[in-house]
Structure formats: structure tokens, C-alpha cells
PDB file of N, CA and C in Angstrom:
ATOM      1  N   MET A   1      91.342  62.112  79.025  1.00  0.00           N
ATOM      2  CA  MET A   1      92.275  61.198  79.621  1.00  0.00           C
ATOM      3  C   MET A   1      93.547  61.094  78.792  1.00  0.00           C
ATOM      4  N   ASN A   2      93.456  61.307  77.491  1.00  0.00           N
ATOM      5  CA  ASN A   2      94.655  61.250  76.672  1.00  0.00           C
ATOM      6  C   ASN A   2      95.657  62.311  77.094  1.00  0.00           C
ATOM      7  N   ASP A   3      95.162  63.493  77.465  1.00  0.00           N
ATOM      8  CA  ASP A   3      96.054  64.553  77.928  1.00  0.00           C
ATOM      9  C   ASP A   3      96.782  64.125  79.195  1.00  0.00           C
ATOM     10  N   ASN A   4      96.107  63.392  80.056  1.00  0.00           N
ATOM     11  CA  ASN A   4      96.727  62.926  81.296  1.00  0.00           C
ATOM     12  C   ASN A   4      97.845  61.934  81.030  1.00  0.00           C
ATOM     13  N   ALA A   5      97.778  61.202  79.941  1.00  0.00           N
ATOM     14  CA  ALA A   5      98.793  60.197  79.628  1.00  0.00           C
ATOM     15  C   ALA A   5     100.168  60.826  79.431  1.00  0.00           C
ATOM     16  N   THR A   6     100.235  62.071  79.054  1.00  0.00           N
ATOM     17  CA  THR A   6     101.531  62.715  78.854  1.00  0.00           C
ATOM     18  C   THR A   6     102.299  62.858  80.162  1.00  0.00           C
ATOM     19  N   HIS A   7     101.613  62.773  81.290  1.00  0.00           N
ATOM     20  CA  HIS A   7     102.263  62.895  82.601  1.00  0.00           C
ATOM     21  C   HIS A   7     102.807  61.560  83.111  1.00  0.00           C
ATOM     22  N   LEU A   8     102.454  60.466  82.463  1.00  0.00           N
ATOM     23  CA  LEU A   8     102.902  59.155  82.911  1.00  0.00           C
ATOM     24  C   LEU A   8     104.286  58.858  82.355  1.00  0.00           C
ATOM     25  N   LYS A   9     105.156  58.387  83.202  1.00  0.00           N
ATOM     26  CA  LYS A   9     106.528  58.065  82.820  1.00  0.00           C
ATOM     27  C   LYS A   9     106.786  56.588  83.090  1.00  0.00           C
ATOM     28  N   PRO A  10     107.685  55.960  82.320  1.00  0.00           N
ATOM     29  CA  PRO A  10     108.026  54.562  82.575  1.00  0.00           C
ATOM     30  C   PRO A  10     108.508  54.374  84.019  1.00  0.00           C
ATOM     31  N   GLY A  11     108.087  53.287  84.635  1.00  0.00           N
ATOM     32  CA  GLY A  11     108.496  53.000  86.005  1.00  0.00           C
ATOM     33  C   GLY A  11     107.616  53.652  87.060  1.00  0.00           C
ATOM     34  N   THR A  12     106.577  54.343  86.633  1.00  0.00           N
ATOM     35  CA  THR A  12     105.662  54.962  87.583  1.00  0.00           C
ATOM     36  C   THR A  12     104.300  54.277  87.463  1.00  0.00           C
ATOM     37  N   SER A  13     103.383  54.675  88.291  1.00  0.00           N
ATOM     38  CA  SER A  13     102.045  54.086  88.235  1.00  0.00           C
ATOM     39  C   SER A  13     100.999  55.188  88.270  1.00  0.00           C
ATOM     40  N   ALA A  14      99.780  54.790  87.937  1.00  0.00           N
ATOM     41  CA  ALA A  14      98.673  55.734  87.930  1.00  0.00           C
ATOM     42  C   ALA A  14      97.439  55.051  88.488  1.00  0.00           C
ATOM     43  N   LEU A  15      96.580  55.850  89.058  1.00  0.00           N
ATOM     44  CA  LEU A  15      95.315  55.365  89.585  1.00  0.00           C
ATOM     45  C   LEU A  15      94.214  56.204  88.956  1.00  0.00           C
ATOM     46  N   PHE A  16      93.291  55.546  88.292  1.00  0.00           N
ATOM     47  CA  PHE A  16      92.150  56.229  87.700  1.00  0.00           C
ATOM     48  C   PHE A  16      90.927  55.891  88.529  1.00  0.00           C
ATOM     49  N   ILE A  17      90.184  56.898  88.920  1.00  0.00           N
ATOM     50  CA  ILE A  17      88.991  56.705  89.742  1.00  0.00           C
ATOM     51  C   ILE A  17      87.783  57.207  88.970  1.00  0.00           C
ATOM     52  N   LEU A  18      86.816  56.346  88.840  1.00  0.00           N
ATOM     53  CA  LEU A  18      85.546  56.719  88.226  1.00  0.00           C
ATOM     54  C   LEU A  18      84.533  56.759  89.356  1.00  0.00           C
ATOM     55  N   ALA A  19      84.187  57.960  89.780  1.00  0.00           N
ATOM     56  CA  ALA A  19      83.316  58.126  90.944  1.00  0.00           C
ATOM     57  C   ALA A  19      81.983  58.704  90.525  1.00  0.00           C
ATOM     58  N   LYS A  20      80.933  58.133  91.064  1.00  0.00           N
ATOM     59  CA  LYS A  20      79.603  58.620  90.739  1.00  0.00           C
ATOM     60  C   LYS A  20      78.976  59.344  91.930  1.00  0.00           C
ATOM     61  N   LYS A  21      79.123  58.783  93.112  1.00  0.00           N
ATOM     62  CA  LYS A  21      78.451  59.348  94.277  1.00  0.00           C
ATOM     63  C   LYS A  21      79.345  60.252  95.114  1.00  0.00           C
ATOM     64  N   ALA A  22      80.627  59.949  95.181  1.00  0.00           N
ATOM     65  CA  ALA A  22      81.539  60.761  95.984  1.00  0.00           C
ATOM     66  C   ALA A  22      81.911  62.021  95.207  1.00  0.00           C
ATOM     67  N   GLY A  23      81.878  63.145  95.880  1.00  0.00           N
ATOM     68  CA  GLY A  23      82.270  64.396  95.243  1.00  0.00           C
ATOM     69  C   GLY A  23      83.782  64.482  95.102  1.00  0.00           C
ATOM     70  N   PRO A  24      84.259  65.240  94.128  1.00  0.00           N
ATOM     71  CA  PRO A  24      85.703  65.355  93.903  1.00  0.00           C
ATOM     72  C   PRO A  24      86.454  65.872  95.123  1.00  0.00           C
ATOM     73  N   GLU A  25      85.833  66.738  95.900  1.00  0.00           N
ATOM     74  CA  GLU A  25      86.519  67.292  97.074  1.00  0.00           C
ATOM     75  C   GLU A  25      86.872  66.187  98.063  1.00  0.00           C
ATOM     76  N   LYS A  26      85.968  65.256  98.280  1.00  0.00           N
ATOM     77  CA  LYS A  26      86.197  64.148  99.211  1.00  0.00           C
ATOM     78  C   LYS A  26      87.316  63.240  98.701  1.00  0.00           C
ATOM     79  N   ILE A  27      87.299  62.964  97.420  1.00  0.00           N
ATOM     80  CA  ILE A  27      88.327  62.106  96.837  1.00  0.00           C
ATOM     81  C   ILE A  27      89.691  62.769  96.921  1.00  0.00           C
ATOM     82  N   VAL A  28      89.764  64.040  96.575  1.00  0.00           N
ATOM     83  CA  VAL A  28      91.027  64.785  96.646  1.00  0.00           C
ATOM     84  C   VAL A  28      91.570  64.755  98.068  1.00  0.00           C
ATOM     85  N   GLU A  29      90.720  64.994  99.040  1.00  0.00           N
ATOM     86  CA  GLU A  29      91.142  65.001 100.439  1.00  0.00           C
ATOM     87  C   GLU A  29      91.724  63.646 100.850  1.00  0.00           C
ATOM     88  N   GLU A  30      91.085  62.573 100.431  1.00  0.00           N
ATOM     89  CA  GLU A  30      91.546  61.224 100.786  1.00  0.00           C
ATOM     90  C   GLU A  30      92.880  60.881 100.117  1.00  0.00           C
ATOM     91  N   LEU A  31      93.125  61.398  98.925  1.00  0.00           N
ATOM     92  CA  LEU A  31      94.344  61.052  98.191  1.00  0.00           C
ATOM     93  C   LEU A  31      95.548  61.922  98.539  1.00  0.00           C
ATOM     94  N   LYS A  32      95.348  63.026  99.226  1.00  0.00           N
ATOM     95  CA  LYS A  32      96.445  63.940  99.574  1.00  0.00           C
ATOM     96  C   LYS A  32      97.574  63.249 100.319  1.00  0.00           C
ATOM     97  N   ARG A  33      97.243  62.287 101.154  1.00  0.00           N
ATOM     98  CA  ARG A  33      98.266  61.639 102.000  1.00  0.00           C
ATOM     99  C   ARG A  33      99.290  60.849 101.182  1.00  0.00           C
ATOM    100  N   PHE A  34      99.004  60.580  99.915  1.00  0.00           N
ATOM    101  CA  PHE A  34      99.929  59.806  99.094  1.00  0.00           C
ATOM    102  C   PHE A  34     100.947  60.680  98.373  1.00  0.00           C
ATOM    103  N   ASP A  35     100.812  61.993  98.493  1.00  0.00           N
ATOM    104  CA  ASP A  35     101.797  62.941  97.982  1.00  0.00           C
ATOM    105  C   ASP A  35     102.141  62.718  96.507  1.00  0.00           C
ATOM    106  N   GLY A  36     101.132  62.509  95.701  1.00  0.00           N
ATOM    107  CA  GLY A  36     101.356  62.323  94.270  1.00  0.00           C
ATOM    108  C   GLY A  36     100.820  63.499  93.495  1.00  0.00           C
ATOM    109  N   LYS A  37     100.882  63.395  92.206  1.00  0.00           N
ATOM    110  CA  LYS A  37     100.346  64.431  91.336  1.00  0.00           C
ATOM    111  C   LYS A  37      98.899  64.073  91.027  1.00  0.00           C
ATOM    112  N   LEU A  38      98.006  64.982  91.262  1.00  0.00           N
ATOM    113  CA  LEU A  38      96.585  64.744  91.035  1.00  0.00           C
ATOM    114  C   LEU A  38      96.130  65.442  89.768  1.00  0.00           C
ATOM    115  N   LEU A  39      95.613  64.664  88.848  1.00  0.00           N
ATOM    116  CA  LEU A  39      95.051  65.185  87.607  1.00  0.00           C
ATOM    117  C   LEU A  39      93.568  64.867  87.633  1.00  0.00           C
ATOM    118  N   GLN A  40      92.760  65.831  87.292  1.00  0.00           N
ATOM    119  CA  GLN A  40      91.315  65.669  87.422  1.00  0.00           C
ATOM    120  C   GLN A  40      90.637  66.061  86.125  1.00  0.00           C
ATOM    121  N   THR A  41      89.633  65.287  85.729  1.00  0.00           N
ATOM    122  CA  THR A  41      88.870  65.600  84.533  1.00  0.00           C
ATOM    123  C   THR A  41      87.428  65.148  84.724  1.00  0.00           C
ATOM    124  N   THR A  42      86.558  65.666  83.922  1.00  0.00           N
ATOM    125  CA  THR A  42      85.163  65.275  83.930  1.00  0.00           C
ATOM    126  C   THR A  42      84.871  64.585  82.602  1.00  0.00           C
ATOM    127  N   LEU A  43      84.160  63.485  82.664  1.00  0.00           N
ATOM    128  CA  LEU A  43      83.820  62.745  81.450  1.00  0.00           C
ATOM    129  C   LEU A  43      82.365  62.973  81.080  1.00  0.00           C
ATOM    130  N   PHE A  44      82.107  63.044  79.796  1.00  0.00           N
ATOM    131  CA  PHE A  44      80.737  63.083  79.313  1.00  0.00           C
ATOM    132  C   PHE A  44      80.130  61.693  79.476  1.00  0.00           C
ATOM    133  N   HIS A  45      78.811  61.623  79.508  1.00  0.00           N
ATOM    134  CA  HIS A  45      78.116  60.351  79.705  1.00  0.00           C
ATOM    135  C   HIS A  45      78.588  59.286  78.713  1.00  0.00           C
ATOM    136  N   GLN A  46      78.724  59.652  77.441  1.00  0.00           N
ATOM    137  CA  GLN A  46      79.142  58.668  76.439  1.00  0.00           C
ATOM    138  C   GLN A  46      80.567  58.182  76.680  1.00  0.00           C
ATOM    139  N   ASP A  47      81.417  59.042  77.233  1.00  0.00           N
ATOM    140  CA  ASP A  47      82.781  58.628  77.554  1.00  0.00           C
ATOM    141  C   ASP A  47      82.799  57.662  78.733  1.00  0.00           C
ATOM    142  N   VAL A  48      81.931  57.894  79.713  1.00  0.00           N
ATOM    143  CA  VAL A  48      81.813  56.980  80.854  1.00  0.00           C
ATOM    144  C   VAL A  48      81.363  55.614  80.351  1.00  0.00           C
ATOM    145  N   THR A  49      80.417  55.581  79.456  1.00  0.00           N
ATOM    146  CA  THR A  49      79.918  54.328  78.894  1.00  0.00           C
ATOM    147  C   THR A  49      81.032  53.584  78.166  1.00  0.00           C
ATOM    148  N   ARG A  50      81.803  54.293  77.367  1.00  0.00           N
ATOM    149  CA  ARG A  50      82.928  53.674  76.646  1.00  0.00           C
ATOM    150  C   ARG A  50      83.993  53.166  77.604  1.00  0.00           C
ATOM    151  N   LEU A  51      84.283  53.933  78.649  1.00  0.00           N
ATOM    152  CA  LEU A  51      85.284  53.520  79.629  1.00  0.00           C
ATOM    153  C   LEU A  51      84.837  52.262  80.359  1.00  0.00           C
ATOM    154  N   ARG A  52      83.585  52.226  80.779  1.00  0.00           N
ATOM    155  CA  ARG A  52      83.061  51.036  81.471  1.00  0.00           C
ATOM    156  C   ARG A  52      83.131  49.806  80.557  1.00  0.00           C
ATOM    157  N   ALA A  53      82.790  49.973  79.292  1.00  0.00           N
ATOM    158  CA  ALA A  53      82.841  48.853  78.344  1.00  0.00           C
ATOM    159  C   ALA A  53      84.281  48.349  78.178  1.00  0.00           C
ATOM    160  N   ALA A  54      85.221  49.263  78.085  1.00  0.00           N
ATOM    161  CA  ALA A  54      86.624  48.878  77.937  1.00  0.00           C
ATOM    162  C   ALA A  54      87.130  48.151  79.186  1.00  0.00           C
ATOM    163  N   LEU A  55      86.743  48.634  80.355  1.00  0.00           N
ATOM    164  CA  LEU A  55      87.157  47.974  81.600  1.00  0.00           C
ATOM    165  C   LEU A  55      86.529  46.593  81.721  1.00  0.00           C
ATOM    166  N   ASP A  56      85.266  46.474  81.378  1.00  0.00           N
ATOM    167  CA  ASP A  56      84.591  45.170  81.407  1.00  0.00           C
ATOM    168  C   ASP A  56      85.277  44.185  80.458  1.00  0.00           C
ATOM    169  N   LYS A  57      85.604  44.655  79.274  1.00  0.00           N
ATOM    170  CA  LYS A  57      86.269  43.801  78.292  1.00  0.00           C
ATOM    171  C   LYS A  57      87.630  43.341  78.805  1.00  0.00           C
ATOM    172  N   ALA A  58      88.394  44.254  79.380  1.00  0.00           N
ATOM    173  CA  ALA A  58      89.715  43.908  79.905  1.00  0.00           C
ATOM    174  C   ALA A  58      89.605  42.883  81.031  1.00  0.00           C
ATOM    175  N   LEU A  59      88.618  43.029  81.902  1.00  0.00           N
ATOM    176  CA  LEU A  59      88.432  42.060  82.984  1.00  0.00           C
ATOM    177  C   LEU A  59      88.071  40.691  82.453  1.00  0.00           C
ATOM    178  N   LYS A  60      87.202  40.634  81.453  1.00  0.00           N
ATOM    179  CA  LYS A  60      86.808  39.349  80.871  1.00  0.00           C
ATOM    180  C   LYS A  60      87.984  38.669  80.187  1.00  0.00           C
ATOM    181  N   GLU A  61      88.832  39.434  79.515  1.00  0.00           N
ATOM    182  CA  GLU A  61      89.990  38.868  78.833  1.00  0.00           C
ATOM    183  C   GLU A  61      91.024  38.352  79.823  1.00  0.00           C
ATOM    184  N   LYS A  62      91.090  38.982  80.983  1.00  0.00           N
ATOM    185  CA  LYS A  62      92.066  38.579  82.006  1.00  0.00           C
ATOM    186  C   LYS A  62      91.664  37.283  82.687  1.00  0.00           C
ATOM    187  N   HIS A  63      90.370  37.026  82.785  1.00  0.00           N
ATOM    188  CA  HIS A  63      89.889  35.834  83.504  1.00  0.00           C
ATOM    189  C   HIS A  63      89.430  34.838  82.546  1.00  0.00           C
TER     190      HIS A  63
END
């Protein structure tokens, strides 16, 4: 994901999707209509665990 950060520019937005059941082909097809740049990566199990923990922490801090 750090490599993907180099593509982000000020004033733009990004959407990160963590999908378990939907295959990448289905997700890519659904996102095509937004005409954006699609960056795709696969995470190792331990990275998914760390990402979920970070997202949970951010949600708790926000509320």
C-alpha cells in the first residue's frame, strides 16, 4: 500500500477496498464506471490483521 501512496496527489481522493468474498474481477468491473486509476494489490494475512486493527482504532478515536 505504501507504493500506492505515491499516486495520491493533494486535492484528490482514494478508495481502499478490503474484499474477502468478492473476486477482484467483479470489483474492477463495478469500479470502471468511475473512470479513475485502479491500483490493485494483495495483502498477506498479517497485513490484513494490521489493517483491520488500524481501521478499528481510527473508528474508535473518531467516535
